[in-house]
Amino acid sequence: MPLIPEESQIHERAQGSSATPATGHAAQTPRPVPGPRPVPGPRSASTPRPGRPGPGPARPAPPAQRSHSSAGQPQAPGPSTPSTPQIQLIPAPVDGALDAAEEAVDLLLDSGRAPGDILVLTTGEQHPWAVHELSFGETAYWAQHDAREDVFFAGAAAVARAQSRPVVVVAVNGGGDDAFSQLLPLARERAATLLVVCGDAERINALLGAGV
């Protein structure tokens, strides 16, 4: 049964030789192609992100919280140092990693995280929002990154330009092991408190265990 979307439910696993995978993965939902470019303005956690459907009917009240955390969900940040973010692994196939990352972002926003706290990186195909915004030029695209008013999506090739945010979500949605092994250290550097990795658990743990 689903959990109450509260920050307290999101428990992170401290960084070590490997990240412990959570089990299961929610059913994929189609990612709508972004519509017309919205008029710039401040957004909040209650405002739908570009490229996502608008708010539907009010959600029913969730059942009572279970004593243990649910599998496949980003976990609540625990004590950490600025240079060592907590790591949470969400198992997902390559073709489902982007959906898993979006679900993780939704849960983080529902739990009270500000949209500007979250950076999403992809190792393969770009998120539709990034493709849409880049069609208006890199200047306008990176201006949204610098404004820090919303969740920002970027590909692995652009990670060097991305600034640090409290939460970084990585979708391992292609690109091979080399792409992920090159992205992971940079993603760690940019995650102030929490790094969520969505992808094949065995493959990611092998790379983490290798000290990547």
C-alpha atoms as a PDB file:
ATOM      1  CA  MET A   1       0.000   0.000   0.000  1.00  0.00           C
ATOM      2  CA  PRO A   2       1.384   3.541  -0.678  1.00  0.00           C
ATOM      3  CA  LEU A   3       2.979   5.627   2.014  1.00  0.00           C
ATOM      4  CA  ILE A   4       2.031   9.057   3.239  1.00  0.00           C
ATOM      5  CA  PRO A   5       4.179  11.336   1.064  1.00  0.00           C
ATOM      6  CA  GLU A   6       6.129  12.936   3.880  1.00  0.00           C
ATOM      7  CA  GLU A   7       9.813  13.799   4.084  1.00  0.00           C
ATOM      8  CA  SER A   8      10.056  11.636   7.191  1.00  0.00           C
ATOM      9  CA  GLN A   9       9.327   8.550   5.079  1.00  0.00           C
ATOM     10  CA  ILE A  10      12.298   9.159   2.823  1.00  0.00           C
ATOM     11  CA  HIS A  11      15.158   7.296   4.587  1.00  0.00           C
ATOM     12  CA  GLU A  12      18.521   7.362   2.898  1.00  0.00           C
ATOM     13  CA  ARG A  13      21.225   4.764   3.124  1.00  0.00           C
ATOM     14  CA  ALA A  14      24.614   6.129   4.065  1.00  0.00           C
ATOM     15  CA  GLN A  15      27.306   5.887   1.387  1.00  0.00           C
ATOM     16  CA  GLY A  16      29.489   2.818   1.672  1.00  0.00           C
ATOM     17  CA  SER A  17      31.050   0.190  -0.517  1.00  0.00           C
ATOM     18  CA  SER A  18      27.668  -0.342  -2.145  1.00  0.00           C
ATOM     19  CA  ALA A  19      24.167   1.025  -2.035  1.00  0.00           C
ATOM     20  CA  THR A  20      21.437  -1.322  -0.845  1.00  0.00           C
ATOM     21  CA  PRO A  21      18.769  -1.640  -3.550  1.00  0.00           C
ATOM     22  CA  ALA A  22      15.133  -1.274  -2.678  1.00  0.00           C
ATOM     23  CA  THR A  23      12.848  -3.854  -4.241  1.00  0.00           C
ATOM     24  CA  GLY A  24      10.075  -3.445  -6.780  1.00  0.00           C
ATOM     25  CA  HIS A  25       9.246  -0.662  -9.177  1.00  0.00           C
ATOM     26  CA  ALA A  26       5.991   1.124  -9.771  1.00  0.00           C
ATOM     27  CA  ALA A  27       4.259   0.674 -13.115  1.00  0.00           C
ATOM     28  CA  GLN A  28       5.556   3.037 -15.756  1.00  0.00           C
ATOM     29  CA  THR A  29       3.417   5.959 -16.709  1.00  0.00           C
ATOM     30  CA  PRO A  30       3.622   7.661 -20.104  1.00  0.00           C
ATOM     31  CA  ARG A  31       5.625  10.851 -20.215  1.00  0.00           C
ATOM     32  CA  PRO A  32       3.622  13.476 -22.121  1.00  0.00           C
ATOM     33  CA  VAL A  33       5.507  15.620 -24.594  1.00  0.00           C
ATOM     34  CA  PRO A  34       5.752  19.157 -23.211  1.00  0.00           C
ATOM     35  CA  GLY A  35       3.144  21.521 -24.577  1.00  0.00           C
ATOM     36  CA  PRO A  36       3.535  25.196 -25.416  1.00  0.00           C
ATOM     37  CA  ARG A  37       6.235  27.011 -23.483  1.00  0.00           C
ATOM     38  CA  PRO A  38       4.695  28.426 -20.298  1.00  0.00           C
ATOM     39  CA  VAL A  39       5.008  32.054 -19.289  1.00  0.00           C
ATOM     40  CA  PRO A  40       8.049  32.256 -16.954  1.00  0.00           C
ATOM     41  CA  GLY A  41       7.198  32.807 -13.347  1.00  0.00           C
ATOM     42  CA  PRO A  42       7.866  31.356  -9.906  1.00  0.00           C
ATOM     43  CA  ARG A  43       6.749  27.799  -9.347  1.00  0.00           C
ATOM     44  CA  SER A  44       6.070  25.881  -6.183  1.00  0.00           C
ATOM     45  CA  ALA A  45       5.815  22.222  -5.240  1.00  0.00           C
ATOM     46  CA  SER A  46       2.098  22.382  -6.041  1.00  0.00           C
ATOM     47  CA  THR A  47       2.719  23.652  -9.587  1.00  0.00           C
ATOM     48  CA  PRO A  48       3.022  20.867 -12.189  1.00  0.00           C
ATOM     49  CA  ARG A  49       6.481  20.567 -13.745  1.00  0.00           C
ATOM     50  CA  PRO A  50       6.872  21.275 -17.466  1.00  0.00           C
ATOM     51  CA  GLY A  51       6.159  18.176 -19.505  1.00  0.00           C
ATOM     52  CA  ARG A  52       3.970  16.624 -16.799  1.00  0.00           C
ATOM     53  CA  PRO A  53       0.179  16.527 -16.688  1.00  0.00           C
ATOM     54  CA  GLY A  54      -1.595  19.115 -14.561  1.00  0.00           C
ATOM     55  CA  PRO A  55      -3.125  18.303 -11.195  1.00  0.00           C
ATOM     56  CA  GLY A  56      -6.047  15.899 -11.303  1.00  0.00           C
ATOM     57  CA  PRO A  57      -8.688  15.119  -8.703  1.00  0.00           C
ATOM     58  CA  ALA A  58      -7.641  15.406  -5.088  1.00  0.00           C
ATOM     59  CA  ARG A  59      -5.794  12.343  -3.855  1.00  0.00           C
ATOM     60  CA  PRO A  60      -7.580  10.126  -1.351  1.00  0.00           C
ATOM     61  CA  ALA A  61      -6.236  10.116   2.167  1.00  0.00           C
ATOM     62  CA  PRO A  62      -3.375   7.576   2.354  1.00  0.00           C
ATOM     63  CA  PRO A  63      -3.534   4.611   4.714  1.00  0.00           C
ATOM     64  CA  ALA A  64      -1.721   4.548   7.996  1.00  0.00           C
ATOM     65  CA  GLN A  65       2.043   4.539   7.651  1.00  0.00           C
ATOM     66  CA  ARG A  66       3.813   1.222   7.978  1.00  0.00           C
ATOM     67  CA  SER A  67       6.684   0.878  10.383  1.00  0.00           C
ATOM     68  CA  HIS A  68       9.200   0.100   7.621  1.00  0.00           C
ATOM     69  CA  SER A  69       9.998   2.066   4.469  1.00  0.00           C
ATOM     70  CA  SER A  70       8.431   1.066   1.158  1.00  0.00           C
ATOM     71  CA  ALA A  71      10.654  -0.406  -1.544  1.00  0.00           C
ATOM     72  CA  GLY A  72      11.543   1.582  -4.599  1.00  0.00           C
ATOM     73  CA  GLN A  73      11.051   5.028  -3.065  1.00  0.00           C
ATOM     74  CA  PRO A  74      13.647   7.705  -2.261  1.00  0.00           C
ATOM     75  CA  GLN A  75      14.352   7.700   1.418  1.00  0.00           C
ATOM     76  CA  ALA A  76      14.530  10.469   4.002  1.00  0.00           C
ATOM     77  CA  PRO A  77      17.870  12.199   4.461  1.00  0.00           C
ATOM     78  CA  GLY A  78      19.755  11.301   7.603  1.00  0.00           C
ATOM     79  CA  PRO A  79      22.848  12.877   9.097  1.00  0.00           C
ATOM     80  CA  SER A  80      25.439  13.607   6.431  1.00  0.00           C
ATOM     81  CA  THR A  81      28.344  15.879   5.667  1.00  0.00           C
ATOM     82  CA  PRO A  82      28.176  18.341   2.793  1.00  0.00           C
ATOM     83  CA  SER A  83      30.868  16.448   0.861  1.00  0.00           C
ATOM     84  CA  THR A  84      29.350  12.996   1.405  1.00  0.00           C
ATOM     85  CA  PRO A  85      25.726  12.708   0.308  1.00  0.00           C
ATOM     86  CA  GLN A  86      23.556   9.799   1.268  1.00  0.00           C
ATOM     87  CA  ILE A  87      22.903   7.352  -1.599  1.00  0.00           C
ATOM     88  CA  GLN A  88      19.575   5.677  -2.362  1.00  0.00           C
ATOM     89  CA  LEU A  89      19.213   3.101  -5.132  1.00  0.00           C
ATOM     90  CA  ILE A  90      15.869   2.575  -6.875  1.00  0.00           C
ATOM     91  CA  PRO A  91      15.942  -0.559  -9.090  1.00  0.00           C
ATOM     92  CA  ALA A  92      14.640   0.004 -12.609  1.00  0.00           C
ATOM     93  CA  PRO A  93      15.302  -1.349 -16.109  1.00  0.00           C
ATOM     94  CA  VAL A  94      17.077   0.886 -18.604  1.00  0.00           C
ATOM     95  CA  ASP A  95      13.823   1.738 -20.363  1.00  0.00           C
ATOM     96  CA  GLY A  96      12.113   2.481 -17.039  1.00  0.00           C
ATOM     97  CA  ALA A  97      14.854   4.491 -15.308  1.00  0.00           C
ATOM     98  CA  LEU A  98      13.489   7.845 -16.449  1.00  0.00           C
ATOM     99  CA  ASP A  99      10.011   6.973 -15.179  1.00  0.00           C
ATOM    100  CA  ALA A 100      11.509   5.878 -11.842  1.00  0.00           C
ATOM    101  CA  ALA A 101      13.391   9.173 -11.592  1.00  0.00           C
ATOM    102  CA  GLU A 102      10.201  11.155 -12.237  1.00  0.00           C
ATOM    103  CA  GLU A 103       8.371   9.176  -9.568  1.00  0.00           C
ATOM    104  CA  ALA A 104      11.208   9.872  -7.119  1.00  0.00           C
ATOM    105  CA  VAL A 105      10.975  13.586  -7.910  1.00  0.00           C
ATOM    106  CA  ASP A 106       7.201  13.559  -7.412  1.00  0.00           C
ATOM    107  CA  LEU A 107       7.582  11.928  -3.994  1.00  0.00           C
ATOM    108  CA  LEU A 108      10.264  14.412  -2.973  1.00  0.00           C
ATOM    109  CA  LEU A 109       8.043  17.332  -3.994  1.00  0.00           C
ATOM    110  CA  ASP A 110       5.043  15.821  -2.199  1.00  0.00           C
ATOM    111  CA  SER A 111       7.156  15.471   0.930  1.00  0.00           C
ATOM    112  CA  GLY A 112       7.942  19.183   0.946  1.00  0.00           C
ATOM    113  CA  ARG A 113      11.135  19.513  -1.054  1.00  0.00           C
ATOM    114  CA  ALA A 114      11.327  22.763  -3.012  1.00  0.00           C
ATOM    115  CA  PRO A 115      11.473  22.231  -6.799  1.00  0.00           C
ATOM    116  CA  GLY A 116      14.676  24.258  -6.971  1.00  0.00           C
ATOM    117  CA  ASP A 117      16.353  21.759  -4.614  1.00  0.00           C
ATOM    118  CA  ILE A 118      16.322  18.994  -7.224  1.00  0.00           C
ATOM    119  CA  LEU A 119      18.599  18.281 -10.198  1.00  0.00           C
ATOM    120  CA  VAL A 120      17.843  15.298 -12.479  1.00  0.00           C
ATOM    121  CA  LEU A 121      20.627  13.852 -14.648  1.00  0.00           C
ATOM    122  CA  THR A 122      20.283  11.264 -17.408  1.00  0.00           C
ATOM    123  CA  THR A 123      23.016   8.961 -18.756  1.00  0.00           C
ATOM    124  CA  GLY A 124      21.205   8.269 -22.028  1.00  0.00           C
ATOM    125  CA  GLU A 125      18.203   9.897 -23.689  1.00  0.00           C
ATOM    126  CA  GLN A 126      17.442  13.425 -22.507  1.00  0.00           C
ATOM    127  CA  HIS A 127      14.274  14.080 -20.526  1.00  0.00           C
ATOM    128  CA  PRO A 128      11.505  15.523 -22.785  1.00  0.00           C
ATOM    129  CA  TRP A 129      11.513  18.753 -20.761  1.00  0.00           C
ATOM    130  CA  ALA A 130      15.212  19.306 -21.470  1.00  0.00           C
ATOM    131  CA  VAL A 131      14.708  18.597 -25.185  1.00  0.00           C
ATOM    132  CA  HIS A 132      11.804  21.062 -25.283  1.00  0.00           C
ATOM    133  CA  GLU A 133      13.628  23.843 -23.448  1.00  0.00           C
ATOM    134  CA  LEU A 134      16.840  23.413 -25.439  1.00  0.00           C
ATOM    135  CA  SER A 135      14.815  24.041 -28.594  1.00  0.00           C
ATOM    136  CA  PHE A 136      14.650  27.689 -27.436  1.00  0.00           C
ATOM    137  CA  GLY A 137      18.423  27.881 -27.150  1.00  0.00           C
ATOM    138  CA  GLU A 138      21.020  27.092 -24.503  1.00  0.00           C
ATOM    139  CA  THR A 139      20.979  30.610 -23.064  1.00  0.00           C
ATOM    140  CA  ALA A 140      17.308  30.395 -22.075  1.00  0.00           C
ATOM    141  CA  TYR A 141      17.762  26.780 -20.951  1.00  0.00           C
ATOM    142  CA  TRP A 142      20.641  27.522 -18.571  1.00  0.00           C
ATOM    143  CA  ALA A 143      18.934  30.689 -17.339  1.00  0.00           C
ATOM    144  CA  GLN A 144      16.286  28.416 -15.816  1.00  0.00           C
ATOM    145  CA  HIS A 145      19.043  26.370 -14.177  1.00  0.00           C
ATOM    146  CA  ASP A 146      20.595  29.495 -12.671  1.00  0.00           C
ATOM    147  CA  ALA A 147      17.210  30.789 -11.451  1.00  0.00           C
ATOM    148  CA  ARG A 148      16.805  27.643  -9.304  1.00  0.00           C
ATOM    149  CA  GLU A 149      13.011  28.009  -9.289  1.00  0.00           C
ATOM    150  CA  ASP A 150      12.158  24.544 -10.604  1.00  0.00           C
ATOM    151  CA  VAL A 151      13.402  20.989 -11.007  1.00  0.00           C
ATOM    152  CA  PHE A 152      16.142  21.057 -13.647  1.00  0.00           C
ATOM    153  CA  PHE A 153      16.822  18.223 -16.091  1.00  0.00           C
ATOM    154  CA  ALA A 154      20.171  17.778 -17.832  1.00  0.00           C
ATOM    155  CA  GLY A 155      22.083  15.142 -19.755  1.00  0.00           C
ATOM    156  CA  ALA A 156      25.381  13.598 -18.673  1.00  0.00           C
ATOM    157  CA  ALA A 157      27.306  15.742 -21.159  1.00  0.00           C
ATOM    158  CA  ALA A 158      26.136  18.918 -19.403  1.00  0.00           C
ATOM    159  CA  VAL A 159      26.788  17.846 -15.818  1.00  0.00           C
ATOM    160  CA  ALA A 160      30.059  19.777 -15.582  1.00  0.00           C
ATOM    161  CA  ARG A 161      28.087  23.001 -15.974  1.00  0.00           C
ATOM    162  CA  ALA A 162      25.414  22.083 -13.434  1.00  0.00           C
ATOM    163  CA  GLN A 163      25.629  23.626  -9.984  1.00  0.00           C
ATOM    164  CA  SER A 164      25.220  21.812  -6.683  1.00  0.00           C
ATOM    165  CA  ARG A 165      21.715  21.207  -5.324  1.00  0.00           C
ATOM    166  CA  PRO A 166      20.527  19.467  -2.147  1.00  0.00           C
ATOM    167  CA  VAL A 167      19.162  16.484  -4.102  1.00  0.00           C
ATOM    168  CA  VAL A 168      20.479  14.933  -7.310  1.00  0.00           C
ATOM    169  CA  VAL A 169      18.502  12.179  -9.059  1.00  0.00           C
ATOM    170  CA  VAL A 170      20.325  10.091 -11.695  1.00  0.00           C
ATOM    171  CA  ALA A 171      18.391   8.084 -14.291  1.00  0.00           C
ATOM    172  CA  VAL A 172      20.658   5.359 -15.699  1.00  0.00           C
ATOM    173  CA  ASN A 173      18.664   5.141 -18.918  1.00  0.00           C
ATOM    174  CA  GLY A 174      21.411   4.207 -21.366  1.00  0.00           C
ATOM    175  CA  GLY A 175      24.895   5.167 -22.392  1.00  0.00           C
ATOM    176  CA  GLY A 176      26.610   2.032 -21.067  1.00  0.00           C
ATOM    177  CA  ASP A 177      28.825   1.565 -18.025  1.00  0.00           C
ATOM    178  CA  ASP A 178      31.326   4.174 -19.180  1.00  0.00           C
ATOM    179  CA  ALA A 179      28.703   6.909 -19.237  1.00  0.00           C
ATOM    180  CA  PHE A 180      27.520   6.040 -15.722  1.00  0.00           C
ATOM    181  CA  SER A 181      31.014   5.602 -14.276  1.00  0.00           C
ATOM    182  CA  GLN A 182      31.951   9.047 -15.568  1.00  0.00           C
ATOM    183  CA  LEU A 183      28.740  10.679 -14.379  1.00  0.00           C
ATOM    184  CA  LEU A 184      28.545   9.201 -10.870  1.00  0.00           C
ATOM    185  CA  PRO A 185      31.513  11.053  -9.302  1.00  0.00           C
ATOM    186  CA  LEU A 186      30.236  14.364 -10.720  1.00  0.00           C
ATOM    187  CA  ALA A 187      26.704  13.635  -9.513  1.00  0.00           C
ATOM    188  CA  ARG A 188      28.062  12.926  -6.021  1.00  0.00           C
ATOM    189  CA  GLU A 189      29.893  16.247  -5.995  1.00  0.00           C
ATOM    190  CA  ARG A 190      26.711  18.105  -6.886  1.00  0.00           C
ATOM    191  CA  ALA A 191      24.451  16.357  -4.364  1.00  0.00           C
ATOM    192  CA  ALA A 192      24.662  18.281  -1.096  1.00  0.00           C
ATOM    193  CA  THR A 193      22.613  15.819   0.984  1.00  0.00           C
ATOM    194  CA  LEU A 194      20.977  13.100  -1.154  1.00  0.00           C
ATOM    195  CA  LEU A 195      21.872  11.186  -4.320  1.00  0.00           C
ATOM    196  CA  VAL A 196      19.123   8.965  -5.774  1.00  0.00           C
ATOM    197  CA  VAL A 197      20.200   6.528  -8.507  1.00  0.00           C
ATOM    198  CA  CYS A 198      17.522   4.838 -10.652  1.00  0.00           C
ATOM    199  CA  GLY A 199      18.680   1.890 -12.737  1.00  0.00           C
ATOM    200  CA  ASP A 200      19.810  -1.726 -12.814  1.00  0.00           C
ATOM    201  CA  ALA A 201      20.679  -2.592  -9.207  1.00  0.00           C
ATOM    202  CA  GLU A 202      23.303  -5.260  -9.969  1.00  0.00           C
ATOM    203  CA  ARG A 203      25.117  -3.082 -12.464  1.00  0.00           C
ATOM    204  CA  ILE A 204      25.083  -0.001 -10.240  1.00  0.00           C
ATOM    205  CA  ASN A 205      26.233  -1.905  -7.150  1.00  0.00           C
ATOM    206  CA  ALA A 206      29.092  -3.415  -9.132  1.00  0.00           C
ATOM    207  CA  LEU A 207      30.274   0.043 -10.151  1.00  0.00           C
ATOM    208  CA  LEU A 208      29.812   1.448  -6.639  1.00  0.00           C
ATOM    209  CA  GLY A 209      31.737  -1.515  -5.225  1.00  0.00           C
ATOM    210  CA  ALA A 210      34.536  -0.832  -7.659  1.00  0.00           C
ATOM    211  CA  GLY A 211      34.933   2.569  -6.021  1.00  0.00           C
ATOM    212  CA  VAL A 212      33.484   4.601  -8.861  1.00  0.00           C
END
